[in-house]
Amino acid sequence: MDEGTQGLLILISISIVCSLIIHSVYRNYWVSAHIAAIISTILFQIADFVHRGYLDKFALIALIVGGFYAWLISLLVGFPFKFVRKSKSSDGKS
């Protein structure tokens, strides 16, 4: 496995874990998605810095692209939370 594939797997893993934690804590779907994307991207950049020992020259580009992918992952991970919370709130109103 090359370094690029490992980086993507690490980004996906960090994004999924952060999204699960944030969506379970915050009830607002959109705010949770944005917070999880920001935290995931920052944690990924920190992990990359620790791995390399220096900040990559394409760190700003990686921050933007990685943030977009982390946001998409957070939207996908958060959808079941939104669905369950919506069904629980509609069950309570009946």
C-alpha atoms as a PDB file:
ATOM      1  CA  MET A   1       0.000   0.000   0.000  1.00  0.00           C
ATOM      2  CA  ASP A   2       1.469   3.354  -0.971  1.00  0.00           C
ATOM      3  CA  GLU A   3       1.595   6.482   1.168  1.00  0.00           C
ATOM      4  CA  GLY A   4      -1.353   8.151  -0.574  1.00  0.00           C
ATOM      5  CA  THR A   5      -3.677   5.221   0.062  1.00  0.00           C
ATOM      6  CA  GLN A   6      -2.589   5.072   3.682  1.00  0.00           C
ATOM      7  CA  GLY A   7      -3.307   8.781   4.043  1.00  0.00           C
ATOM      8  CA  LEU A   8      -6.801   8.379   2.635  1.00  0.00           C
ATOM      9  CA  LEU A   9      -7.535   5.457   4.938  1.00  0.00           C
ATOM     10  CA  ILE A  10      -6.317   7.456   7.924  1.00  0.00           C
ATOM     11  CA  LEU A  11      -8.431  10.466   6.903  1.00  0.00           C
ATOM     12  CA  ILE A  12     -11.513   8.285   6.457  1.00  0.00           C
ATOM     13  CA  SER A  13     -10.936   6.570   9.811  1.00  0.00           C
ATOM     14  CA  ILE A  14     -10.430   9.838  11.680  1.00  0.00           C
ATOM     15  CA  SER A  15     -13.494  11.345   9.967  1.00  0.00           C
ATOM     16  CA  ILE A  16     -15.744   8.418  10.853  1.00  0.00           C
ATOM     17  CA  VAL A  17     -14.661   8.358  14.498  1.00  0.00           C
ATOM     18  CA  CYS A  18     -14.990  12.136  14.903  1.00  0.00           C
ATOM     19  CA  SER A  19     -18.358  12.135  13.171  1.00  0.00           C
ATOM     20  CA  LEU A  20     -19.702   9.377  15.398  1.00  0.00           C
ATOM     21  CA  ILE A  21     -18.586  11.203  18.525  1.00  0.00           C
ATOM     22  CA  ILE A  22     -19.786  14.657  17.475  1.00  0.00           C
ATOM     23  CA  HIS A  23     -23.142  13.499  16.101  1.00  0.00           C
ATOM     24  CA  SER A  24     -23.823  11.566  19.297  1.00  0.00           C
ATOM     25  CA  VAL A  25     -23.095  14.664  21.416  1.00  0.00           C
ATOM     26  CA  TYR A  26     -24.708  17.460  19.378  1.00  0.00           C
ATOM     27  CA  ARG A  27     -28.287  17.226  18.190  1.00  0.00           C
ATOM     28  CA  ASN A  28     -28.092  19.718  15.312  1.00  0.00           C
ATOM     29  CA  TYR A  29     -27.244  17.792  12.130  1.00  0.00           C
ATOM     30  CA  TRP A  30     -25.606  20.602  10.157  1.00  0.00           C
ATOM     31  CA  VAL A  31     -23.609  22.057  13.039  1.00  0.00           C
ATOM     32  CA  SER A  32     -22.387  18.572  13.961  1.00  0.00           C
ATOM     33  CA  ALA A  33     -21.307  17.910  10.387  1.00  0.00           C
ATOM     34  CA  HIS A  34     -19.292  21.124  10.228  1.00  0.00           C
ATOM     35  CA  ILE A  35     -17.680  20.648  13.645  1.00  0.00           C
ATOM     36  CA  ALA A  36     -16.760  17.043  12.855  1.00  0.00           C
ATOM     37  CA  ALA A  37     -15.238  18.044   9.498  1.00  0.00           C
ATOM     38  CA  ILE A  38     -13.131  20.787  11.081  1.00  0.00           C
ATOM     39  CA  ILE A  39     -11.889  18.573  13.916  1.00  0.00           C
ATOM     40  CA  SER A  40     -11.197  15.653  11.555  1.00  0.00           C
ATOM     41  CA  THR A  41      -9.182  17.797   9.187  1.00  0.00           C
ATOM     42  CA  ILE A  42      -7.134  19.353  11.978  1.00  0.00           C
ATOM     43  CA  LEU A  43      -6.450  15.945  13.548  1.00  0.00           C
ATOM     44  CA  PHE A  44      -5.394  14.569  10.171  1.00  0.00           C
ATOM     45  CA  GLN A  45      -2.976  17.453   9.629  1.00  0.00           C
ATOM     46  CA  ILE A  46      -1.534  16.906  13.110  1.00  0.00           C
ATOM     47  CA  ALA A  47      -1.122  13.176  12.395  1.00  0.00           C
ATOM     48  CA  ASP A  48       0.600  14.001   9.097  1.00  0.00           C
ATOM     49  CA  PHE A  49       2.913  16.468  10.827  1.00  0.00           C
ATOM     50  CA  VAL A  50       3.839  13.890  13.480  1.00  0.00           C
ATOM     51  CA  HIS A  51       4.440  11.244  10.813  1.00  0.00           C
ATOM     52  CA  ARG A  52       6.600  13.436   8.539  1.00  0.00           C
ATOM     53  CA  GLY A  53       8.248  15.592  11.155  1.00  0.00           C
ATOM     54  CA  TYR A  54       7.479  18.745   9.178  1.00  0.00           C
ATOM     55  CA  LEU A  55       4.485  20.479   7.622  1.00  0.00           C
ATOM     56  CA  ASP A  56       3.948  19.377   4.036  1.00  0.00           C
ATOM     57  CA  LYS A  57       4.183  22.091   1.378  1.00  0.00           C
ATOM     58  CA  PHE A  58       0.702  21.124   0.160  1.00  0.00           C
ATOM     59  CA  ALA A  59      -0.842  21.263   3.642  1.00  0.00           C
ATOM     60  CA  LEU A  60      -3.234  24.091   2.722  1.00  0.00           C
ATOM     61  CA  ILE A  61      -4.552  22.190  -0.283  1.00  0.00           C
ATOM     62  CA  ALA A  62      -4.822  19.019   1.805  1.00  0.00           C
ATOM     63  CA  LEU A  63      -6.696  21.003   4.454  1.00  0.00           C
ATOM     64  CA  ILE A  64      -9.294  22.191   1.942  1.00  0.00           C
ATOM     65  CA  VAL A  65      -9.716  18.910   0.056  1.00  0.00           C
ATOM     66  CA  GLY A  66      -9.547  16.805   3.213  1.00  0.00           C
ATOM     67  CA  GLY A  67     -12.071  19.095   4.888  1.00  0.00           C
ATOM     68  CA  PHE A  68     -14.488  18.629   2.009  1.00  0.00           C
ATOM     69  CA  TYR A  69     -14.180  14.838   2.166  1.00  0.00           C
ATOM     70  CA  ALA A  70     -14.450  14.875   5.964  1.00  0.00           C
ATOM     71  CA  TRP A  71     -17.615  16.982   5.646  1.00  0.00           C
ATOM     72  CA  LEU A  72     -19.150  14.514   3.176  1.00  0.00           C
ATOM     73  CA  ILE A  73     -18.286  11.603   5.458  1.00  0.00           C
ATOM     74  CA  SER A  74     -19.777  13.465   8.408  1.00  0.00           C
ATOM     75  CA  LEU A  75     -23.005  14.038   6.496  1.00  0.00           C
ATOM     76  CA  LEU A  76     -23.238  10.327   5.691  1.00  0.00           C
ATOM     77  CA  VAL A  77     -22.399   9.211   9.213  1.00  0.00           C
ATOM     78  CA  GLY A  78     -24.789  11.730  10.761  1.00  0.00           C
ATOM     79  CA  PHE A  79     -27.790  10.790   8.654  1.00  0.00           C
ATOM     80  CA  PRO A  80     -28.767   7.763  10.795  1.00  0.00           C
ATOM     81  CA  PHE A  81     -28.529   9.959  13.911  1.00  0.00           C
ATOM     82  CA  LYS A  82     -30.856  12.486  12.294  1.00  0.00           C
ATOM     83  CA  PHE A  83     -33.275   9.783  11.185  1.00  0.00           C
ATOM     84  CA  VAL A  84     -33.413   8.114  14.621  1.00  0.00           C
ATOM     85  CA  ARG A  85     -33.862  11.415  16.438  1.00  0.00           C
ATOM     86  CA  LYS A  86     -36.602  12.460  14.034  1.00  0.00           C
ATOM     87  CA  SER A  87     -38.452   9.154  14.432  1.00  0.00           C
ATOM     88  CA  LYS A  88     -38.154   9.337  18.244  1.00  0.00           C
ATOM     89  CA  SER A  89     -39.518  12.879  18.299  1.00  0.00           C
ATOM     90  CA  SER A  90     -42.440  11.972  16.009  1.00  0.00           C
ATOM     91  CA  ASP A  91     -43.234   8.894  18.148  1.00  0.00           C
ATOM     92  CA  GLY A  92     -43.444  11.073  21.247  1.00  0.00           C
ATOM     93  CA  LYS A  93     -45.900  13.486  19.609  1.00  0.00           C
ATOM     94  CA  SER A  94     -48.465  10.799  18.730  1.00  0.00           C
END
